[in-house]
Amino acid sequence: MPEISEAAGYLVALLHSAGVATATGMGLVGMSWQEIESWARCNDFEAVLSPKEYRAIWRLSRAYAAEMASASKKGAKAPYAPVVETRNDEVLREMIGAKVEDVFASMLAAQKRD
């Protein structure tokens, strides 16, 4: 997973505490305002959290559910780029080789479907 700053880390912790998203018969969706408000009330966060923090949790939940939906598709890539400390010739060669393999694997899969 990508690095998360301390400033945003507490919001992600609150999101995980609240439950991240809601499972429905049609798949995963972002938490509703009622679910977030109920979670905050049950955990004595009502007076502590600002409206901006409530909105951030709501948006994070929706973004999480949307990314889960797109990540479940065949051949989905990670939503972030891997961090590479040094990019010498060997590392670049490996990265390019992996991408070329992905392209050929996709082409082969498409041929098998046809």
PDB file of N, CA and C in Angstrom:
ATOM      1  N   MET A   1       0.837  -1.182   0.000  1.00  0.00           N
ATOM      2  CA  MET A   1       0.000   0.000   0.000  1.00  0.00           C
ATOM      3  C   MET A   1       0.881   1.245   0.000  1.00  0.00           C
ATOM      4  N   PRO A   2       0.354   2.325  -0.569  1.00  0.00           N
ATOM      5  CA  PRO A   2       1.133   3.567  -0.586  1.00  0.00           C
ATOM      6  C   PRO A   2       1.232   4.158   0.815  1.00  0.00           C
ATOM      7  N   GLU A   3       2.243   4.984   1.002  1.00  0.00           N
ATOM      8  CA  GLU A   3       2.425   5.668   2.283  1.00  0.00           C
ATOM      9  C   GLU A   3       1.292   6.669   2.507  1.00  0.00           C
ATOM     10  N   ILE A   4       0.842   6.796   3.747  1.00  0.00           N
ATOM     11  CA  ILE A   4      -0.196   7.757   4.110  1.00  0.00           C
ATOM     12  C   ILE A   4       0.390   8.698   5.147  1.00  0.00           C
ATOM     13  N   SER A   5       0.229   9.993   4.941  1.00  0.00           N
ATOM     14  CA  SER A   5       0.777  10.965   5.884  1.00  0.00           C
ATOM     15  C   SER A   5       0.046  10.872   7.217  1.00  0.00           C
ATOM     16  N   GLU A   6       0.703  11.336   8.266  1.00  0.00           N
ATOM     17  CA  GLU A   6       0.070  11.319   9.589  1.00  0.00           C
ATOM     18  C   GLU A   6      -1.185  12.183   9.601  1.00  0.00           C
ATOM     19  N   ALA A   7      -1.152  13.268   8.832  1.00  0.00           N
ATOM     20  CA  ALA A   7      -2.302  14.167   8.796  1.00  0.00           C
ATOM     21  C   ALA A   7      -3.542  13.462   8.263  1.00  0.00           C
ATOM     22  N   ALA A   8      -3.367  12.543   7.329  1.00  0.00           N
ATOM     23  CA  ALA A   8      -4.508  11.823   6.766  1.00  0.00           C
ATOM     24  C   ALA A   8      -4.706  10.465   7.420  1.00  0.00           C
ATOM     25  N   GLY A   9      -3.695   9.976   8.098  1.00  0.00           N
ATOM     26  CA  GLY A   9      -3.752   8.650   8.692  1.00  0.00           C
ATOM     27  C   GLY A   9      -4.882   8.462   9.684  1.00  0.00           C
ATOM     28  N   TYR A  10      -5.168   9.494  10.473  1.00  0.00           N
ATOM     29  CA  TYR A  10      -6.233   9.346  11.464  1.00  0.00           C
ATOM     30  C   TYR A  10      -7.596   9.213  10.794  1.00  0.00           C
ATOM     31  N   LEU A  11      -7.783   9.868   9.635  1.00  0.00           N
ATOM     32  CA  LEU A  11      -9.050   9.737   8.912  1.00  0.00           C
ATOM     33  C   LEU A  11      -9.224   8.323   8.369  1.00  0.00           C
ATOM     34  N   VAL A  12      -8.144   7.736   7.895  1.00  0.00           N
ATOM     35  CA  VAL A  12      -8.207   6.363   7.408  1.00  0.00           C
ATOM     36  C   VAL A  12      -8.497   5.420   8.582  1.00  0.00           C
ATOM     37  N   ALA A  13      -7.904   5.693   9.736  1.00  0.00           N
ATOM     38  CA  ALA A  13      -8.182   4.875  10.927  1.00  0.00           C
ATOM     39  C   ALA A  13      -9.656   4.993  11.319  1.00  0.00           C
ATOM     40  N   LEU A  14     -10.212   6.202  11.256  1.00  0.00           N
ATOM     41  CA  LEU A  14     -11.628   6.390  11.567  1.00  0.00           C
ATOM     42  C   LEU A  14     -12.502   5.654  10.544  1.00  0.00           C
ATOM     43  N   LEU A  15     -12.117   5.716   9.281  1.00  0.00           N
ATOM     44  CA  LEU A  15     -12.864   5.009   8.239  1.00  0.00           C
ATOM     45  C   LEU A  15     -12.891   3.511   8.531  1.00  0.00           C
ATOM     46  N   HIS A  16     -11.746   2.950   8.888  1.00  0.00           N
ATOM     47  CA  HIS A  16     -11.696   1.522   9.195  1.00  0.00           C
ATOM     48  C   HIS A  16     -12.524   1.201  10.434  1.00  0.00           C
ATOM     49  N   SER A  17     -12.518   2.095  11.391  1.00  0.00           N
ATOM     50  CA  SER A  17     -13.329   1.895  12.590  1.00  0.00           C
ATOM     51  C   SER A  17     -14.818   1.902  12.255  1.00  0.00           C
ATOM     52  N   ALA A  18     -15.188   2.755  11.324  1.00  0.00           N
ATOM     53  CA  ALA A  18     -16.598   2.869  10.932  1.00  0.00           C
ATOM     54  C   ALA A  18     -17.061   1.697  10.076  1.00  0.00           C
ATOM     55  N   GLY A  19     -16.133   1.028   9.407  1.00  0.00           N
ATOM     56  CA  GLY A  19     -16.524  -0.125   8.614  1.00  0.00           C
ATOM     57  C   GLY A  19     -16.186  -0.042   7.140  1.00  0.00           C
ATOM     58  N   VAL A  20     -15.529   0.972   6.687  1.00  0.00           N
ATOM     59  CA  VAL A  20     -15.034   1.199   5.323  1.00  0.00           C
ATOM     60  C   VAL A  20     -16.151   1.365   4.295  1.00  0.00           C
ATOM     61  N   ALA A  21     -17.029   0.386   4.144  1.00  0.00           N
ATOM     62  CA  ALA A  21     -18.095   0.442   3.141  1.00  0.00           C
ATOM     63  C   ALA A  21     -19.219  -0.489   3.575  1.00  0.00           C
ATOM     64  N   THR A  22     -20.302  -0.489   2.806  1.00  0.00           N
ATOM     65  CA  THR A  22     -21.473  -1.303   3.126  1.00  0.00           C
ATOM     66  C   THR A  22     -21.695  -2.328   2.025  1.00  0.00           C
ATOM     67  N   ALA A  23     -21.872  -3.572   2.442  1.00  0.00           N
ATOM     68  CA  ALA A  23     -22.175  -4.631   1.481  1.00  0.00           C
ATOM     69  C   ALA A  23     -23.681  -4.665   1.238  1.00  0.00           C
ATOM     70  N   THR A  24     -24.053  -4.653  -0.031  1.00  0.00           N
ATOM     71  CA  THR A  24     -25.467  -4.733  -0.396  1.00  0.00           C
ATOM     72  C   THR A  24     -25.661  -5.894  -1.359  1.00  0.00           C
ATOM     73  N   GLY A  25     -26.886  -6.151  -1.737  1.00  0.00           N
ATOM     74  CA  GLY A  25     -27.170  -7.202  -2.698  1.00  0.00           C
ATOM     75  C   GLY A  25     -26.578  -6.921  -4.070  1.00  0.00           C
ATOM     76  N   MET A  26     -26.270  -5.661  -4.348  1.00  0.00           N
ATOM     77  CA  MET A  26     -25.706  -5.277  -5.641  1.00  0.00           C
ATOM     78  C   MET A  26     -24.199  -5.035  -5.562  1.00  0.00           C
ATOM     79  N   GLY A  27     -23.591  -5.343  -4.427  1.00  0.00           N
ATOM     80  CA  GLY A  27     -22.152  -5.154  -4.272  1.00  0.00           C
ATOM     81  C   GLY A  27     -21.830  -4.171  -3.171  1.00  0.00           C
ATOM     82  N   LEU A  28     -20.576  -3.768  -3.116  1.00  0.00           N
ATOM     83  CA  LEU A  28     -20.088  -2.861  -2.094  1.00  0.00           C
ATOM     84  C   LEU A  28     -20.397  -1.418  -2.475  1.00  0.00           C
ATOM     85  N   VAL A  29     -20.922  -0.645  -1.524  1.00  0.00           N
ATOM     86  CA  VAL A  29     -21.194   0.772  -1.748  1.00  0.00           C
ATOM     87  C   VAL A  29     -20.627   1.566  -0.574  1.00  0.00           C
ATOM     88  N   GLY A  30     -20.428   2.862  -0.802  1.00  0.00           N
ATOM     89  CA  GLY A  30     -19.962   3.727   0.274  1.00  0.00           C
ATOM     90  C   GLY A  30     -21.000   3.817   1.384  1.00  0.00           C
ATOM     91  N   MET A  31     -20.522   4.062   2.588  1.00  0.00           N
ATOM     92  CA  MET A  31     -21.434   4.170   3.728  1.00  0.00           C
ATOM     93  C   MET A  31     -22.361   5.373   3.556  1.00  0.00           C
ATOM     94  N   SER A  32     -23.576   5.237   4.043  1.00  0.00           N
ATOM     95  CA  SER A  32     -24.541   6.335   3.980  1.00  0.00           C
ATOM     96  C   SER A  32     -24.253   7.309   5.121  1.00  0.00           C
ATOM     97  N   TRP A  33     -24.836   8.503   4.998  1.00  0.00           N
ATOM     98  CA  TRP A  33     -24.696   9.489   6.068  1.00  0.00           C
ATOM     99  C   TRP A  33     -25.271   8.937   7.375  1.00  0.00           C
ATOM    100  N   GLN A  34     -26.351   8.188   7.284  1.00  0.00           N
ATOM    101  CA  GLN A  34     -26.979   7.641   8.485  1.00  0.00           C
ATOM    102  C   GLN A  34     -26.048   6.641   9.170  1.00  0.00           C
ATOM    103  N   GLU A  35     -25.378   5.821   8.394  1.00  0.00           N
ATOM    104  CA  GLU A  35     -24.440   4.855   8.979  1.00  0.00           C
ATOM    105  C   GLU A  35     -23.273   5.551   9.657  1.00  0.00           C
ATOM    106  N   ILE A  36     -22.755   6.585   9.020  1.00  0.00           N
ATOM    107  CA  ILE A  36     -21.628   7.316   9.601  1.00  0.00           C
ATOM    108  C   ILE A  36     -22.065   8.034  10.871  1.00  0.00           C
ATOM    109  N   GLU A  37     -23.240   8.660  10.841  1.00  0.00           N
ATOM    110  CA  GLU A  37     -23.749   9.372  12.016  1.00  0.00           C
ATOM    111  C   GLU A  37     -24.001   8.400  13.163  1.00  0.00           C
ATOM    112  N   SER A  38     -24.556   7.243  12.868  1.00  0.00           N
ATOM    113  CA  SER A  38     -24.826   6.239  13.888  1.00  0.00           C
ATOM    114  C   SER A  38     -23.520   5.727  14.492  1.00  0.00           C
ATOM    115  N   TRP A  39     -22.524   5.461  13.651  1.00  0.00           N
ATOM    116  CA  TRP A  39     -21.214   5.021  14.139  1.00  0.00           C
ATOM    117  C   TRP A  39     -20.605   6.075  15.058  1.00  0.00           C
ATOM    118  N   ALA A  40     -20.666   7.341  14.639  1.00  0.00           N
ATOM    119  CA  ALA A  40     -20.092   8.422  15.446  1.00  0.00           C
ATOM    120  C   ALA A  40     -20.809   8.543  16.791  1.00  0.00           C
ATOM    121  N   ARG A  41     -22.133   8.433  16.776  1.00  0.00           N
ATOM    122  CA  ARG A  41     -22.914   8.527  18.011  1.00  0.00           C
ATOM    123  C   ARG A  41     -22.582   7.374  18.954  1.00  0.00           C
ATOM    124  N   CYS A  42     -22.489   6.175  18.431  1.00  0.00           N
ATOM    125  CA  CYS A  42     -22.216   4.992  19.257  1.00  0.00           C
ATOM    126  C   CYS A  42     -20.800   4.988  19.827  1.00  0.00           C
ATOM    127  N   ASN A  43     -19.898   5.726  19.205  1.00  0.00           N
ATOM    128  CA  ASN A  43     -18.504   5.767  19.657  1.00  0.00           C
ATOM    129  C   ASN A  43     -18.118   7.101  20.285  1.00  0.00           C
ATOM    130  N   ASP A  44     -19.111   7.923  20.608  1.00  0.00           N
ATOM    131  CA  ASP A  44     -18.890   9.232  21.241  1.00  0.00           C
ATOM    132  C   ASP A  44     -17.966  10.146  20.431  1.00  0.00           C
ATOM    133  N   PHE A  45     -18.092  10.106  19.100  1.00  0.00           N
ATOM    134  CA  PHE A  45     -17.317  10.979  18.231  1.00  0.00           C
ATOM    135  C   PHE A  45     -18.117  12.197  17.773  1.00  0.00           C
ATOM    136  N   GLU A  46     -19.403  12.265  18.099  1.00  0.00           N
ATOM    137  CA  GLU A  46     -20.253  13.341  17.584  1.00  0.00           C
ATOM    138  C   GLU A  46     -19.686  14.727  17.883  1.00  0.00           C
ATOM    139  N   ALA A  47     -19.275  14.954  19.112  1.00  0.00           N
ATOM    140  CA  ALA A  47     -18.791  16.280  19.503  1.00  0.00           C
ATOM    141  C   ALA A  47     -17.339  16.497  19.096  1.00  0.00           C
ATOM    142  N   VAL A  48     -16.643  15.436  18.733  1.00  0.00           N
ATOM    143  CA  VAL A  48     -15.217  15.531  18.431  1.00  0.00           C
ATOM    144  C   VAL A  48     -14.958  15.810  16.957  1.00  0.00           C
ATOM    145  N   LEU A  49     -15.726  15.174  16.083  1.00  0.00           N
ATOM    146  CA  LEU A  49     -15.495  15.305  14.644  1.00  0.00           C
ATOM    147  C   LEU A  49     -16.153  16.547  14.067  1.00  0.00           C
ATOM    148  N   SER A  50     -15.447  17.201  13.168  1.00  0.00           N
ATOM    149  CA  SER A  50     -15.995  18.376  12.496  1.00  0.00           C
ATOM    150  C   SER A  50     -16.778  17.932  11.265  1.00  0.00           C
ATOM    151  N   PRO A  51     -17.617  18.820  10.714  1.00  0.00           N
ATOM    152  CA  PRO A  51     -18.322  18.477   9.472  1.00  0.00           C
ATOM    153  C   PRO A  51     -17.370  18.096   8.337  1.00  0.00           C
ATOM    154  N   LYS A  52     -16.210  18.730   8.265  1.00  0.00           N
ATOM    155  CA  LYS A  52     -15.231  18.397   7.225  1.00  0.00           C
ATOM    156  C   LYS A  52     -14.731  16.967   7.398  1.00  0.00           C
ATOM    157  N   GLU A  53     -14.540  16.548   8.638  1.00  0.00           N
ATOM    158  CA  GLU A  53     -14.077  15.181   8.876  1.00  0.00           C
ATOM    159  C   GLU A  53     -15.162  14.158   8.524  1.00  0.00           C
ATOM    160  N   TYR A  54     -16.421  14.488   8.837  1.00  0.00           N
ATOM    161  CA  TYR A  54     -17.526  13.617   8.428  1.00  0.00           C
ATOM    162  C   TYR A  54     -17.553  13.473   6.909  1.00  0.00           C
ATOM    163  N   ARG A  55     -17.418  14.599   6.193  1.00  0.00           N
ATOM    164  CA  ARG A  55     -17.417  14.559   4.733  1.00  0.00           C
ATOM    165  C   ARG A  55     -16.231  13.762   4.200  1.00  0.00           C
ATOM    166  N   ALA A  56     -15.072  13.907   4.847  1.00  0.00           N
ATOM    167  CA  ALA A  56     -13.890  13.164   4.407  1.00  0.00           C
ATOM    168  C   ALA A  56     -14.111  11.661   4.565  1.00  0.00           C
ATOM    169  N   ILE A  57     -14.692  11.245   5.682  1.00  0.00           N
ATOM    170  CA  ILE A  57     -14.974   9.823   5.898  1.00  0.00           C
ATOM    171  C   ILE A  57     -15.977   9.330   4.854  1.00  0.00           C
ATOM    172  N   TRP A  58     -17.001  10.125   4.582  1.00  0.00           N
ATOM    173  CA  TRP A  58     -18.007   9.763   3.584  1.00  0.00           C
ATOM    174  C   TRP A  58     -17.364   9.604   2.203  1.00  0.00           C
ATOM    175  N   ARG A  59     -16.509  10.564   1.830  1.00  0.00           N
ATOM    176  CA  ARG A  59     -15.845  10.511   0.518  1.00  0.00           C
ATOM    177  C   ARG A  59     -14.865   9.336   0.434  1.00  0.00           C
ATOM    178  N   LEU A  60     -14.116   9.105   1.518  1.00  0.00           N
ATOM    179  CA  LEU A  60     -13.190   7.968   1.530  1.00  0.00           C
ATOM    180  C   LEU A  60     -13.938   6.651   1.359  1.00  0.00           C
ATOM    181  N   SER A  61     -15.073   6.524   2.006  1.00  0.00           N
ATOM    182  CA  SER A  61     -15.871   5.314   1.899  1.00  0.00           C
ATOM    183  C   SER A  61     -16.341   5.102   0.470  1.00  0.00           C
ATOM    184  N   ARG A  62     -16.815   6.157  -0.171  1.00  0.00           N
ATOM    185  CA  ARG A  62     -17.271   6.064  -1.554  1.00  0.00           C
ATOM    186  C   ARG A  62     -16.104   5.732  -2.496  1.00  0.00           C
ATOM    187  N   ALA A  63     -14.962   6.366  -2.258  1.00  0.00           N
ATOM    188  CA  ALA A  63     -13.787   6.094  -3.096  1.00  0.00           C
ATOM    189  C   ALA A  63     -13.325   4.652  -2.925  1.00  0.00           C
ATOM    190  N   TYR A  64     -13.369   4.146  -1.697  1.00  0.00           N
ATOM    191  CA  TYR A  64     -12.977   2.766  -1.427  1.00  0.00           C
ATOM    192  C   TYR A  64     -13.888   1.800  -2.184  1.00  0.00           C
ATOM    193  N   ALA A  65     -15.202   2.018  -2.080  1.00  0.00           N
ATOM    194  CA  ALA A  65     -16.163   1.132  -2.752  1.00  0.00           C
ATOM    195  C   ALA A  65     -15.983   1.191  -4.264  1.00  0.00           C
ATOM    196  N   ALA A  66     -15.758   2.374  -4.810  1.00  0.00           N
ATOM    197  CA  ALA A  66     -15.568   2.522  -6.255  1.00  0.00           C
ATOM    198  C   ALA A  66     -14.296   1.811  -6.710  1.00  0.00           C
ATOM    199  N   GLU A  67     -13.231   1.936  -5.943  1.00  0.00           N
ATOM    200  CA  GLU A  67     -11.978   1.284  -6.313  1.00  0.00           C
ATOM    201  C   GLU A  67     -12.096  -0.230  -6.195  1.00  0.00           C
ATOM    202  N   MET A  68     -12.830  -0.712  -5.207  1.00  0.00           N
ATOM    203  CA  MET A  68     -13.050  -2.155  -5.080  1.00  0.00           C
ATOM    204  C   MET A  68     -13.801  -2.682  -6.301  1.00  0.00           C
ATOM    205  N   ALA A  69     -14.760  -1.913  -6.781  1.00  0.00           N
ATOM    206  CA  ALA A  69     -15.522  -2.331  -7.961  1.00  0.00           C
ATOM    207  C   ALA A  69     -14.624  -2.381  -9.193  1.00  0.00           C
ATOM    208  N   SER A  70     -13.796  -1.368  -9.390  1.00  0.00           N
ATOM    209  CA  SER A  70     -12.935  -1.369 -10.573  1.00  0.00           C
ATOM    210  C   SER A  70     -11.784  -2.359 -10.421  1.00  0.00           C
ATOM    211  N   ALA A  71     -11.335  -2.603  -9.206  1.00  0.00           N
ATOM    212  CA  ALA A  71     -10.234  -3.550  -8.982  1.00  0.00           C
ATOM    213  C   ALA A  71     -10.676  -4.993  -9.165  1.00  0.00           C
ATOM    214  N   SER A  72     -11.967  -5.238  -9.100  1.00  0.00           N
ATOM    215  CA  SER A  72     -12.451  -6.613  -9.256  1.00  0.00           C
ATOM    216  C   SER A  72     -12.520  -7.040 -10.719  1.00  0.00           C
ATOM    217  N   LYS A  73     -12.312  -6.094 -11.623  1.00  0.00           N
ATOM    218  CA  LYS A  73     -12.329  -6.425 -13.052  1.00  0.00           C
ATOM    219  C   LYS A  73     -11.043  -7.155 -13.429  1.00  0.00           C
ATOM    220  N   LYS A  74     -11.155  -8.070 -14.369  1.00  0.00           N
ATOM    221  CA  LYS A  74     -10.019  -8.851 -14.805  1.00  0.00           C
ATOM    222  C   LYS A  74      -8.938  -7.942 -15.386  1.00  0.00           C
ATOM    223  N   GLY A  75      -7.706  -8.152 -14.955  1.00  0.00           N
ATOM    224  CA  GLY A  75      -6.574  -7.383 -15.466  1.00  0.00           C
ATOM    225  C   GLY A  75      -6.427  -6.004 -14.851  1.00  0.00           C
ATOM    226  N   ALA A  76      -7.139  -5.735 -13.762  1.00  0.00           N
ATOM    227  CA  ALA A  76      -7.060  -4.411 -13.130  1.00  0.00           C
ATOM    228  C   ALA A  76      -5.665  -4.184 -12.550  1.00  0.00           C
ATOM    229  N   LYS A  77      -5.199  -2.992 -12.681  1.00  0.00           N
ATOM    230  CA  LYS A  77      -3.883  -2.609 -12.164  1.00  0.00           C
ATOM    231  C   LYS A  77      -4.031  -1.976 -10.787  1.00  0.00           C
ATOM    232  N   ALA A  78      -2.943  -1.918 -10.055  1.00  0.00           N
ATOM    233  CA  ALA A  78      -2.941  -1.261  -8.744  1.00  0.00           C
ATOM    234  C   ALA A  78      -3.287   0.217  -8.923  1.00  0.00           C
ATOM    235  N   PRO A  79      -4.020   0.816  -7.974  1.00  0.00           N
ATOM    236  CA  PRO A  79      -4.424   2.217  -8.125  1.00  0.00           C
ATOM    237  C   PRO A  79      -3.303   3.210  -7.836  1.00  0.00           C
ATOM    238  N   TYR A  80      -2.105   2.716  -7.642  1.00  0.00           N
ATOM    239  CA  TYR A  80      -0.972   3.592  -7.366  1.00  0.00           C
ATOM    240  C   TYR A  80       0.257   2.999  -8.050  1.00  0.00           C
ATOM    241  N   ALA A  81       1.250   3.824  -8.260  1.00  0.00           N
ATOM    242  CA  ALA A  81       2.480   3.352  -8.883  1.00  0.00           C
ATOM    243  C   ALA A  81       3.425   2.860  -7.795  1.00  0.00           C
ATOM    244  N   PRO A  82       4.114   1.747  -8.027  1.00  0.00           N
ATOM    245  CA  PRO A  82       5.059   1.270  -7.011  1.00  0.00           C
ATOM    246  C   PRO A  82       6.207   2.258  -6.853  1.00  0.00           C
ATOM    247  N   VAL A  83       6.680   2.382  -5.639  1.00  0.00           N
ATOM    248  CA  VAL A  83       7.791   3.278  -5.358  1.00  0.00           C
ATOM    249  C   VAL A  83       9.084   2.534  -5.667  1.00  0.00           C
ATOM    250  N   VAL A  84       9.902   3.120  -6.516  1.00  0.00           N
ATOM    251  CA  VAL A  84      11.181   2.521  -6.869  1.00  0.00           C
ATOM    252  C   VAL A  84      12.269   3.475  -6.400  1.00  0.00           C
ATOM    253  N   GLU A  85      13.102   2.985  -5.485  1.00  0.00           N
ATOM    254  CA  GLU A  85      14.149   3.835  -4.914  1.00  0.00           C
ATOM    255  C   GLU A  85      15.209   4.215  -5.946  1.00  0.00           C
ATOM    256  N   THR A  86      15.745   3.221  -6.627  1.00  0.00           N
ATOM    257  CA  THR A  86      16.768   3.483  -7.637  1.00  0.00           C
ATOM    258  C   THR A  86      16.286   2.925  -8.959  1.00  0.00           C
ATOM    259  N   ARG A  87      16.494   3.689  -9.978  1.00  0.00           N
ATOM    260  CA  ARG A  87      16.065   3.247 -11.308  1.00  0.00           C
ATOM    261  C   ARG A  87      17.292   3.044 -12.187  1.00  0.00           C
ATOM    262  N   ASN A  88      18.045   2.018 -11.851  1.00  0.00           N
ATOM    263  CA  ASN A  88      19.173   1.701 -12.713  1.00  0.00           C
ATOM    264  C   ASN A  88      18.675   0.909 -13.919  1.00  0.00           C
ATOM    265  N   ASP A  89      19.574   0.582 -14.815  1.00  0.00           N
ATOM    266  CA  ASP A  89      19.181  -0.106 -16.051  1.00  0.00           C
ATOM    267  C   ASP A  89      18.477  -1.425 -15.778  1.00  0.00           C
ATOM    268  N   GLU A  90      18.936  -2.159 -14.776  1.00  0.00           N
ATOM    269  CA  GLU A  90      18.335  -3.467 -14.489  1.00  0.00           C
ATOM    270  C   GLU A  90      16.897  -3.314 -13.986  1.00  0.00           C
ATOM    271  N   VAL A  91      16.661  -2.349 -13.107  1.00  0.00           N
ATOM    272  CA  VAL A  91      15.312  -2.122 -12.584  1.00  0.00           C
ATOM    273  C   VAL A  91      14.373  -1.682 -13.709  1.00  0.00           C
ATOM    274  N   LEU A  92      14.833  -0.769 -14.563  1.00  0.00           N
ATOM    275  CA  LEU A  92      14.014  -0.330 -15.688  1.00  0.00           C
ATOM    276  C   LEU A  92      13.715  -1.480 -16.632  1.00  0.00           C
ATOM    277  N   ARG A  93      14.707  -2.319 -16.881  1.00  0.00           N
ATOM    278  CA  ARG A  93      14.513  -3.470 -17.762  1.00  0.00           C
ATOM    279  C   ARG A  93      13.452  -4.404 -17.191  1.00  0.00           C
ATOM    280  N   GLU A  94      13.479  -4.637 -15.879  1.00  0.00           N
ATOM    281  CA  GLU A  94      12.484  -5.501 -15.238  1.00  0.00           C
ATOM    282  C   GLU A  94      11.085  -4.890 -15.318  1.00  0.00           C
ATOM    283  N   MET A  95      10.983  -3.574 -15.079  1.00  0.00           N
ATOM    284  CA  MET A  95       9.682  -2.906 -15.132  1.00  0.00           C
ATOM    285  C   MET A  95       9.093  -2.987 -16.543  1.00  0.00           C
ATOM    286  N   ILE A  96       9.914  -2.688 -17.529  1.00  0.00           N
ATOM    287  CA  ILE A  96       9.444  -2.728 -18.918  1.00  0.00           C
ATOM    288  C   ILE A  96       9.096  -4.160 -19.309  1.00  0.00           C
ATOM    289  N   GLY A  97       9.912  -5.116 -18.880  1.00  0.00           N
ATOM    290  CA  GLY A  97       9.634  -6.518 -19.174  1.00  0.00           C
ATOM    291  C   GLY A  97       8.304  -6.968 -18.593  1.00  0.00           C
ATOM    292  N   ALA A  98       8.005  -6.543 -17.368  1.00  0.00           N
ATOM    293  CA  ALA A  98       6.736  -6.909 -16.736  1.00  0.00           C
ATOM    294  C   ALA A  98       5.562  -6.316 -17.512  1.00  0.00           C
ATOM    295  N   LYS A  99       5.707  -5.082 -17.976  1.00  0.00           N
ATOM    296  CA  LYS A  99       4.624  -4.459 -18.741  1.00  0.00           C
ATOM    297  C   LYS A  99       4.416  -5.154 -20.084  1.00  0.00           C
ATOM    298  N   VAL A 100       5.496  -5.535 -20.724  1.00  0.00           N
ATOM    299  CA  VAL A 100       5.387  -6.242 -21.999  1.00  0.00           C
ATOM    300  C   VAL A 100       4.706  -7.593 -21.784  1.00  0.00           C
ATOM    301  N   GLU A 101       5.076  -8.291 -20.707  1.00  0.00           N
ATOM    302  CA  GLU A 101       4.427  -9.569 -20.398  1.00  0.00           C
ATOM    303  C   GLU A 101       2.930  -9.380 -20.182  1.00  0.00           C
ATOM    304  N   ASP A 102       2.542  -8.304 -19.492  1.00  0.00           N
ATOM    305  CA  ASP A 102       1.124  -8.012 -19.273  1.00  0.00           C
ATOM    306  C   ASP A 102       0.391  -7.820 -20.593  1.00  0.00           C
ATOM    307  N   VAL A 103       1.020  -7.109 -21.533  1.00  0.00           N
ATOM    308  CA  VAL A 103       0.396  -6.861 -22.834  1.00  0.00           C
ATOM    309  C   VAL A 103       0.185  -8.173 -23.571  1.00  0.00           C
ATOM    310  N   PHE A 104       1.221  -9.015 -23.605  1.00  0.00           N
ATOM    311  CA  PHE A 104       1.092 -10.296 -24.300  1.00  0.00           C
ATOM    312  C   PHE A 104       0.089 -11.214 -23.614  1.00  0.00           C
ATOM    313  N   ALA A 105       0.038 -11.200 -22.284  1.00  0.00           N
ATOM    314  CA  ALA A 105      -0.941 -12.011 -21.561  1.00  0.00           C
ATOM    315  C   ALA A 105      -2.356 -11.551 -21.887  1.00  0.00           C
ATOM    316  N   SER A 106      -2.568 -10.253 -21.994  1.00  0.00           N
ATOM    317  CA  SER A 106      -3.881  -9.719 -22.356  1.00  0.00           C
ATOM    318  C   SER A 106      -4.262 -10.130 -23.772  1.00  0.00           C
ATOM    319  N   MET A 107      -3.294 -10.072 -24.690  1.00  0.00           N
ATOM    320  CA  MET A 107      -3.561 -10.471 -26.072  1.00  0.00           C
ATOM    321  C   MET A 107      -3.916 -11.957 -26.151  1.00  0.00           C
ATOM    322  N   LEU A 108      -3.196 -12.790 -25.413  1.00  0.00           N
ATOM    323  CA  LEU A 108      -3.461 -14.227 -25.391  1.00  0.00           C
ATOM    324  C   LEU A 108      -4.831 -14.524 -24.810  1.00  0.00           C
ATOM    325  N   ALA A 109      -5.180 -13.825 -23.739  1.00  0.00           N
ATOM    326  CA  ALA A 109      -6.503 -14.015 -23.125  1.00  0.00           C
ATOM    327  C   ALA A 109      -7.605 -13.610 -24.085  1.00  0.00           C
ATOM    328  N   ALA A 110      -7.404 -12.531 -24.840  1.00  0.00           N
ATOM    329  CA  ALA A 110      -8.390 -12.082 -25.806  1.00  0.00           C
ATOM    330  C   ALA A 110      -8.550 -13.106 -26.935  1.00  0.00           C
ATOM    331  N   GLN A 111      -7.469 -13.714 -27.352  1.00  0.00           N
ATOM    332  CA  GLN A 111      -7.544 -14.727 -28.401  1.00  0.00           C
ATOM    333  C   GLN A 111      -8.298 -15.954 -27.918  1.00  0.00           C
ATOM    334  N   LYS A 112      -8.080 -16.348 -26.677  1.00  0.00           N
ATOM    335  CA  LYS A 112      -8.758 -17.522 -26.123  1.00  0.00           C
ATOM    336  C   LYS A 112     -10.256 -17.290 -26.012  1.00  0.00           C
ATOM    337  N   ARG A 113     -10.659 -16.038 -25.739  1.00  0.00           N
ATOM    338  CA  ARG A 113     -12.100 -15.723 -25.638  1.00  0.00           C
ATOM    339  C   ARG A 113     -12.779 -15.801 -26.986  1.00  0.00           C
ATOM    340  N   ASP A 114     -12.039 -15.441 -28.044  1.00  0.00           N
ATOM    341  CA  ASP A 114     -12.620 -15.428 -29.399  1.00  0.00           C
ATOM    342  C   ASP A 114     -12.700 -16.801 -29.937  1.00  0.00           C
TER     343      ASP A 114
END
